[in-house]
Protein backbone atom coordinates (compact mmCIF):
# COMPACT_ATOMS: atom_id res chain seq x y z
CA MET A 1 40.84 -218.42 157.56
CA PRO A 2 43.35 -217.15 155.10
CA LYS A 3 43.02 -213.58 153.92
CA ALA A 4 42.23 -213.18 150.32
CA ARG A 5 44.75 -211.38 148.02
CA LYS A 6 43.52 -208.34 146.15
CA PRO A 7 43.93 -208.37 142.43
CA VAL A 8 46.81 -206.27 140.97
CA ASP A 9 45.94 -203.40 138.55
CA GLY A 10 48.09 -204.08 135.45
CA PHE A 11 47.41 -200.77 133.81
CA ASN A 12 49.04 -198.64 136.47
CA LEU A 13 52.32 -200.60 136.49
CA ALA A 14 52.69 -200.47 132.73
CA PHE A 15 52.08 -196.73 132.60
CA LEU A 16 54.84 -196.00 135.07
CA ASP A 17 57.28 -198.16 133.15
CA VAL A 18 56.43 -196.37 129.95
CA MET A 19 56.92 -192.94 131.55
CA ALA A 20 60.22 -193.94 133.04
CA CYS A 21 61.47 -195.26 129.71
CA GLY A 22 60.31 -192.09 127.97
CA LEU A 23 62.05 -189.85 130.50
CA GLY A 24 65.25 -191.80 130.09
CA ALA A 25 65.01 -191.46 126.36
CA VAL A 26 64.52 -187.71 126.60
CA ILE A 27 67.52 -187.40 128.93
CA LEU A 28 69.62 -189.45 126.53
CA ILE A 29 68.58 -187.23 123.64
CA PHE A 30 69.57 -184.11 125.57
CA ILE A 31 72.91 -185.61 126.45
CA LEU A 32 73.60 -186.53 122.82
CA VAL A 33 72.44 -183.15 121.49
CA ASP A 34 74.53 -181.26 124.01
CA PHE A 35 77.63 -183.36 123.25
CA ASN A 36 77.23 -182.84 119.51
CA ALA A 37 76.81 -179.02 120.03
CA PHE A 38 80.14 -178.60 121.90
CA THR A 39 82.27 -181.12 119.99
CA PRO A 40 83.36 -179.64 116.60
CA THR A 41 83.52 -181.99 113.75
CA PRO A 42 86.18 -180.92 111.17
CA THR A 43 84.99 -180.96 107.60
CA ASP A 44 86.65 -180.34 104.15
CA GLU A 45 84.72 -177.10 103.79
CA LYS A 46 86.09 -175.75 107.09
CA GLU A 47 89.63 -176.67 106.15
CA ARG A 48 89.21 -174.93 102.78
CA LEU A 49 87.88 -171.80 104.52
CA GLU A 50 90.71 -171.80 106.97
CA GLN A 51 93.25 -172.08 104.12
CA GLU A 52 91.63 -169.24 102.27
CA LEU A 53 91.64 -167.15 105.47
CA ALA A 54 95.31 -167.85 106.00
CA ALA A 55 96.03 -166.95 102.36
CA ALA A 56 94.03 -163.77 102.72
CA GLN A 57 95.95 -162.83 105.85
CA THR A 58 99.30 -163.49 104.12
CA GLU A 59 98.24 -161.41 101.15
CA GLN A 60 97.10 -158.64 103.51
CA GLN A 61 100.50 -158.65 105.17
CA GLN A 62 102.25 -158.49 101.81
CA LEU A 63 99.97 -155.65 100.72
CA LYS A 64 100.68 -153.78 103.94
CA LYS A 65 104.41 -154.32 103.40
CA SER A 66 104.11 -153.08 99.83
CA ILE A 67 102.14 -150.06 100.98
CA ASP A 68 104.80 -149.26 103.54
CA GLU A 69 107.54 -149.55 100.89
CA VAL A 70 105.58 -147.26 98.53
CA ASN A 71 105.06 -144.78 101.34
CA ASP A 72 108.80 -144.86 102.09
CA LYS A 73 109.60 -144.27 98.40
CA ILE A 74 107.12 -141.43 98.25
CA ALA A 75 108.69 -139.86 101.34
CA LEU A 76 112.20 -140.29 99.84
CA GLU A 77 111.19 -138.80 96.50
CA SER A 78 109.48 -135.95 98.29
CA ALA A 79 112.67 -135.27 100.21
CA LYS A 80 114.71 -135.38 97.00
CA GLN A 81 112.25 -133.07 95.30
CA ASP A 82 112.51 -130.69 98.23
CA ASP A 83 116.32 -130.84 97.95
CA VAL A 84 116.14 -130.21 94.16
CA GLU A 85 113.78 -127.31 94.64
CA GLN A 86 116.07 -125.85 97.29
CA ALA A 87 119.10 -126.37 95.06
CA GLN A 88 117.29 -124.68 92.14
CA LYS A 89 116.36 -121.82 94.40
CA ASP A 90 119.97 -121.48 95.58
CA SER A 91 121.16 -121.74 91.95
CA THR A 92 118.73 -119.04 90.89
CA GLN A 93 119.92 -116.81 93.67
CA ASP A 94 123.55 -117.47 92.74
CA GLN A 95 122.82 -116.74 89.08
CA SER A 96 121.07 -113.54 90.02
CA LYS A 97 124.02 -112.49 92.15
CA LEU A 98 126.47 -113.45 89.39
CA LEU A 99 124.50 -111.49 86.80
CA GLN A 100 124.44 -108.51 89.14
CA ASP A 101 128.20 -108.76 89.75
CA MET A 102 128.78 -109.11 85.98
CA SER A 103 126.65 -106.06 85.31
CA THR A 104 128.66 -104.12 87.91
CA GLU A 105 131.97 -105.31 86.46
CA MET A 106 130.82 -104.51 82.93
CA ALA A 107 129.88 -101.04 84.04
CA VAL A 108 133.31 -100.63 85.65
CA VAL A 109 135.05 -101.95 82.55
CA ALA A 110 133.03 -99.60 80.34
CA ASP A 111 133.95 -96.66 82.55
CA LEU A 112 137.62 -97.68 82.44
CA GLU A 113 137.48 -97.99 78.66
CA ASN A 114 136.00 -94.52 78.40
CA GLN A 115 138.71 -93.16 80.69
CA LEU A 116 141.32 -95.06 78.70
CA ALA A 117 140.06 -93.66 75.38
CA ALA A 118 140.00 -90.16 76.81
CA LEU A 119 143.52 -90.55 78.16
CA SER A 120 144.72 -91.97 74.88
CA LYS A 121 143.31 -89.01 73.03
CA GLU A 122 145.05 -86.62 75.41
CA VAL A 123 148.31 -88.46 74.89
CA GLU A 124 147.91 -88.42 71.09
CA LYS A 125 147.35 -84.68 71.12
CA SER A 126 150.68 -84.06 72.86
CA ALA A 127 152.58 -86.90 71.19
CA ASN A 128 155.96 -86.13 69.67
CA ILE A 129 155.43 -88.45 66.73
CA GLN A 130 152.34 -89.84 65.04
CA MET A 131 151.32 -93.45 65.80
CA GLN A 132 148.44 -95.59 64.54
CA GLY A 133 146.01 -97.16 66.95
CA THR A 134 143.90 -95.66 69.67
CA GLY A 135 142.42 -96.64 72.97
CA GLU A 136 143.84 -99.68 74.74
CA GLN A 137 145.91 -100.61 71.68
CA ASN A 138 147.99 -97.52 72.20
CA TYR A 139 148.16 -97.42 75.98
CA ILE A 140 149.61 -99.64 78.68
CA THR A 141 148.86 -99.28 82.39
CA GLY A 142 151.79 -99.01 84.76
CA LEU A 143 154.44 -97.65 82.41
CA LYS A 144 154.96 -93.92 82.32
CA ILE A 145 157.77 -92.30 80.32
CA GLU A 146 159.23 -89.66 82.57
CA GLY A 147 162.50 -88.06 83.69
CA SER A 148 164.51 -84.96 82.86
CA ASP A 149 167.08 -86.95 80.92
CA ILE A 150 165.77 -90.16 79.35
CA GLY A 151 167.65 -92.94 77.63
CA ILE A 152 166.04 -95.58 75.45
CA LEU A 153 167.91 -98.83 74.66
CA VAL A 154 166.55 -101.03 71.86
CA ASP A 155 167.88 -104.56 71.47
CA LYS A 156 168.68 -105.17 67.77
CA SER A 157 170.21 -108.64 68.14
CA ALA A 158 169.25 -111.47 65.78
CA SER A 159 166.94 -112.97 68.42
CA MET A 160 164.63 -109.94 67.97
CA MET A 161 163.42 -111.57 64.74
CA GLY A 162 161.74 -114.64 66.31
CA ASP A 163 160.08 -116.10 69.34
CA ASN A 164 162.25 -119.24 69.57
CA LEU A 165 165.71 -120.40 68.48
CA LEU A 166 164.50 -122.33 65.44
CA ASP A 167 162.48 -119.34 64.29
CA VAL A 168 165.51 -117.10 64.64
CA LEU A 169 167.87 -119.51 62.80
CA SER A 170 165.40 -119.75 59.94
CA LYS A 171 165.50 -115.97 59.49
CA LEU A 172 169.25 -115.55 59.48
CA ALA A 173 169.45 -116.34 55.79
CA LEU A 174 166.85 -113.68 54.84
CA SER A 175 167.76 -110.50 53.02
CA ASP A 176 167.99 -107.26 55.00
CA GLY A 177 164.64 -106.12 53.58
CA GLN A 178 163.01 -109.29 54.76
CA LYS A 179 164.68 -109.15 58.22
CA VAL A 180 163.33 -105.67 59.00
CA SER A 181 159.81 -106.93 58.08
CA THR A 182 159.76 -109.91 60.49
CA PRO A 183 156.76 -109.66 62.87
CA LYS A 184 158.80 -109.50 66.09
CA TRP A 185 161.11 -106.80 64.85
CA VAL A 186 158.20 -104.76 63.55
CA ARG A 187 156.64 -105.07 67.03
CA THR A 188 159.95 -104.00 68.60
CA LYS A 189 160.01 -100.83 66.50
CA ARG A 190 156.42 -100.05 67.45
CA VAL A 191 157.24 -100.43 71.13
CA ALA A 192 160.12 -97.95 70.68
CA GLN A 193 157.88 -95.56 68.77
CA TRP A 194 155.22 -95.86 71.51
CA MET A 195 157.77 -94.71 74.07
CA LEU A 196 159.10 -91.94 71.81
CA ALA A 197 155.56 -90.60 71.42
CA ARG A 198 155.21 -90.27 75.19
CA VAL A 199 158.52 -88.66 76.13
CA PRO A 200 157.73 -85.37 77.97
CA GLN A 201 158.51 -82.40 75.81
CA THR A 202 160.54 -80.89 78.59
CA SER A 203 162.92 -83.91 78.66
CA ARG A 204 166.17 -84.47 76.85
CA LEU A 205 166.49 -87.81 75.04
CA SER A 206 169.12 -90.23 73.82
CA VAL A 207 168.29 -93.44 71.86
CA VAL A 208 170.71 -96.31 71.35
CA THR A 209 170.34 -99.64 69.55
CA PHE A 210 172.59 -102.50 70.64
CA SER A 211 173.57 -106.06 69.77
CA ASP A 212 177.26 -107.05 69.83
CA THR A 213 177.85 -103.38 69.01
CA ALA A 214 175.87 -100.22 69.85
CA GLU A 215 175.09 -96.93 68.08
CA THR A 216 173.21 -93.73 68.78
CA LEU A 217 170.15 -92.85 66.65
CA GLY A 218 169.15 -89.40 65.49
CA ILE A 219 170.77 -86.18 64.41
CA ARG A 220 172.59 -85.70 67.73
CA LYS A 221 173.41 -87.82 70.73
CA ILE A 222 171.12 -85.72 72.93
CA ILE A 223 167.97 -84.11 71.52
CA SER A 224 165.08 -82.09 72.91
CA ALA A 225 161.83 -84.07 72.82
CA LYS A 226 159.87 -80.97 71.80
CA VAL A 227 161.75 -80.73 68.49
CA SER A 228 159.62 -82.91 66.20
CA GLY A 229 162.25 -82.97 63.45
CA SER A 230 164.81 -84.54 65.83
CA MET A 231 162.24 -87.10 66.99
CA ASN A 232 161.27 -88.05 63.45
CA ALA A 233 164.95 -88.47 62.59
CA ILE A 234 165.21 -91.08 65.35
CA VAL A 235 162.18 -92.91 63.98
CA LYS A 236 163.71 -92.87 60.51
CA ASP A 237 167.06 -94.23 61.74
CA LEU A 238 165.26 -96.98 63.71
CA GLY A 239 163.46 -98.07 60.55
CA ALA A 240 166.79 -98.68 58.82
CA VAL A 241 168.21 -100.86 61.62
CA VAL A 242 168.70 -104.54 60.61
CA PRO A 243 168.65 -107.11 63.47
CA SER A 244 171.88 -109.13 63.75
CA GLY A 245 174.52 -110.40 66.18
CA GLY A 246 174.42 -111.27 69.85
CA THR A 247 173.21 -109.29 72.89
CA ASN A 248 175.75 -107.12 74.67
CA LEU A 249 173.80 -105.08 77.17
CA GLN A 250 176.98 -103.72 78.75
CA GLU A 251 177.98 -102.17 75.42
CA GLY A 252 174.51 -100.61 75.00
CA LEU A 253 174.61 -99.02 78.48
CA ASN A 254 178.17 -97.77 77.96
CA VAL A 255 177.26 -96.02 74.68
CA LEU A 256 174.06 -94.63 76.21
CA PHE A 257 175.80 -93.03 79.19
CA ASP A 258 178.68 -91.86 77.03
CA ALA A 259 176.03 -89.97 74.99
CA ASN A 260 174.51 -88.41 78.09
CA PRO A 261 176.07 -89.05 81.51
CA ASN A 262 173.13 -87.22 83.20
CA ILE A 263 170.50 -89.76 82.25
CA THR A 264 168.06 -90.40 85.13
CA ASP A 265 165.69 -92.92 83.58
CA VAL A 266 166.57 -95.75 81.23
CA TYR A 267 164.00 -97.75 79.19
CA ILE A 268 165.23 -101.02 77.73
CA VAL A 269 163.44 -103.09 75.08
CA THR A 270 164.84 -106.62 74.85
CA ASP A 271 163.86 -110.28 74.72
CA GLY A 272 166.21 -112.00 77.15
CA LEU A 273 169.42 -112.02 79.17
CA PRO A 274 172.67 -110.85 77.51
CA THR A 275 174.86 -113.29 75.63
CA GLN A 276 177.98 -111.14 75.39
CA GLY A 277 179.95 -108.90 77.71
CA ASP A 278 182.93 -108.56 80.04
CA GLY A 279 183.48 -110.07 83.47
CA LEU A 280 182.51 -113.66 82.86
CA PRO A 281 184.36 -116.55 84.58
CA LEU A 282 187.02 -118.27 82.51
CA SER A 283 184.85 -121.35 82.09
CA CYS A 284 182.09 -119.33 80.48
CA ARG A 285 184.46 -117.47 78.21
CA ASN A 286 185.95 -120.76 77.02
CA PHE A 287 182.52 -122.20 76.54
CA ILE A 288 181.40 -119.25 74.43
CA SER A 289 184.54 -119.21 72.25
CA SER A 290 184.43 -122.95 71.55
CA LYS A 291 180.69 -123.54 71.18
CA LYS A 292 179.56 -120.23 69.75
CA SER A 293 176.72 -120.26 72.36
CA ILE A 294 176.22 -119.59 76.00
CA SER A 295 174.65 -121.65 78.78
CA SER A 296 171.75 -120.43 80.91
CA ASP A 297 174.01 -120.25 83.98
CA CYS A 298 176.57 -118.18 82.09
CA ARG A 299 173.84 -115.79 80.88
CA LYS A 300 172.74 -115.32 84.48
CA ALA A 301 176.31 -114.62 85.59
CA LEU A 302 176.79 -112.17 82.71
CA PHE A 303 173.60 -110.32 83.65
CA VAL A 304 174.69 -110.02 87.28
CA GLU A 305 178.05 -108.66 86.12
CA THR A 306 176.23 -106.19 83.80
CA VAL A 307 174.05 -104.96 86.64
CA LYS A 308 177.10 -104.49 88.86
CA ARG A 309 178.78 -102.35 86.17
CA ALA A 310 175.61 -100.33 85.39
CA LYS A 311 175.45 -96.74 86.62
CA LYS A 312 173.87 -96.39 90.05
CA GLY A 313 171.16 -93.89 91.04
CA VAL A 314 169.24 -94.47 87.77
CA HIS A 315 165.72 -95.85 87.31
CA TYR A 316 165.90 -98.84 85.00
CA ASN A 317 162.67 -99.89 83.21
CA VAL A 318 162.39 -103.01 81.08
CA ILE A 319 159.87 -104.07 78.42
CA LEU A 320 160.54 -107.74 77.81
CA LEU A 321 159.39 -109.43 74.60
CA PRO A 322 160.48 -112.88 75.77
CA ILE A 323 162.08 -115.57 73.64
CA GLU A 324 161.55 -119.27 74.48
CA GLY A 325 164.42 -121.00 76.27
CA ASP A 326 165.33 -118.10 78.56
CA PRO A 327 163.32 -118.76 81.75
CA PHE A 328 165.46 -116.58 84.08
CA ALA A 329 165.04 -113.38 82.07
CA THR A 330 161.73 -112.42 83.60
CA PRO A 331 162.62 -112.80 87.31
CA MET A 332 166.08 -111.27 86.94
CA TYR A 333 164.92 -108.23 84.98
CA TRP A 334 162.01 -107.79 87.33
CA GLU A 335 164.31 -107.79 90.35
CA TRP A 336 166.63 -105.22 88.71
CA THR A 337 163.79 -102.87 87.94
CA ARG A 338 162.37 -103.31 91.45
CA VAL A 339 165.57 -102.36 93.35
CA THR A 340 166.03 -99.32 91.08
CA SER A 341 162.40 -98.16 91.51
CA GLY A 342 161.71 -98.81 87.84
CA THR A 343 158.99 -100.71 85.99
CA PHE A 344 159.05 -104.20 84.44
CA LEU A 345 156.52 -105.18 81.76
CA SER A 346 156.07 -108.22 79.59
CA PRO A 347 153.08 -107.15 77.52
CA ALA A 348 150.61 -109.30 75.59
CA PRO A 349 151.62 -110.26 72.04
CA GLU A 350 149.08 -107.97 70.45
CA TRP A 351 150.50 -104.83 72.16
CA PRO A 352 151.12 -102.15 71.06
């Protein structure tokens, strides 16, 4: 007999289906949630934030660069300031040293001035003639009037009235009274008086003025320096001399040694090389006679000839009051005085 089928329980089957569907739904939810969590979704807000971040980073870099530049400038300025401070410190030290040196030099100068004033007073006490001016105005270093027999030659040529040719030419038309008052001739006479005042009283003296001619000044050709009357007579004669003519140094030396052949020391006051004399080449003599003047080369040749003819064994000393346009006078006179153990001086315009 056929076996009877048992009835199926519908509730149990439906419950399992529902549970399975629910589990699947839960799993699907987890999968979706997990996928959304790890998959970024760009938005406008994120892009804006990223742009702001990039701009902030750029600005930060620029600020850092600016800070570095400012730091570099600060370091450079600090170095410059250090250099300036060091330079100021060095300058201060140099100034202090300079002031100290100046103080020392001023003290030395003051001491020399005191010695000079004292020496000048001693000279004035023993002077043969009276002269105005004291101290450095009446004293010159390096020139000492000495010798047992002294000769003084004073240039009285027309050039002794001016410092340049135009100045001299302008004074040729003056009267004798005006010529003897020209500044350069007044200075020439003061130079001669300065020497006269310092001649040792134990010496014998002869004074000659020269231009194209020469003459002896004073009562006699040879006088004793200790006789004040004889010295004052020379000063008086010198005051009456009027500058004129050319410069013949040979003639002046000849007259001087004719007056006293025993002269040991000669003192010459002049302003340039001679313009007249014997022993010139024919070309120079023709030039002089035709042009009434003499070239620089001819003056040099004439001076060399004059030195050759001058007496040997004598100390020649020269005080040069230079005239413009005679550039060889200084070196040639200096060399002459050097080889004869004399002294060459070209003093400042305000001396004596």
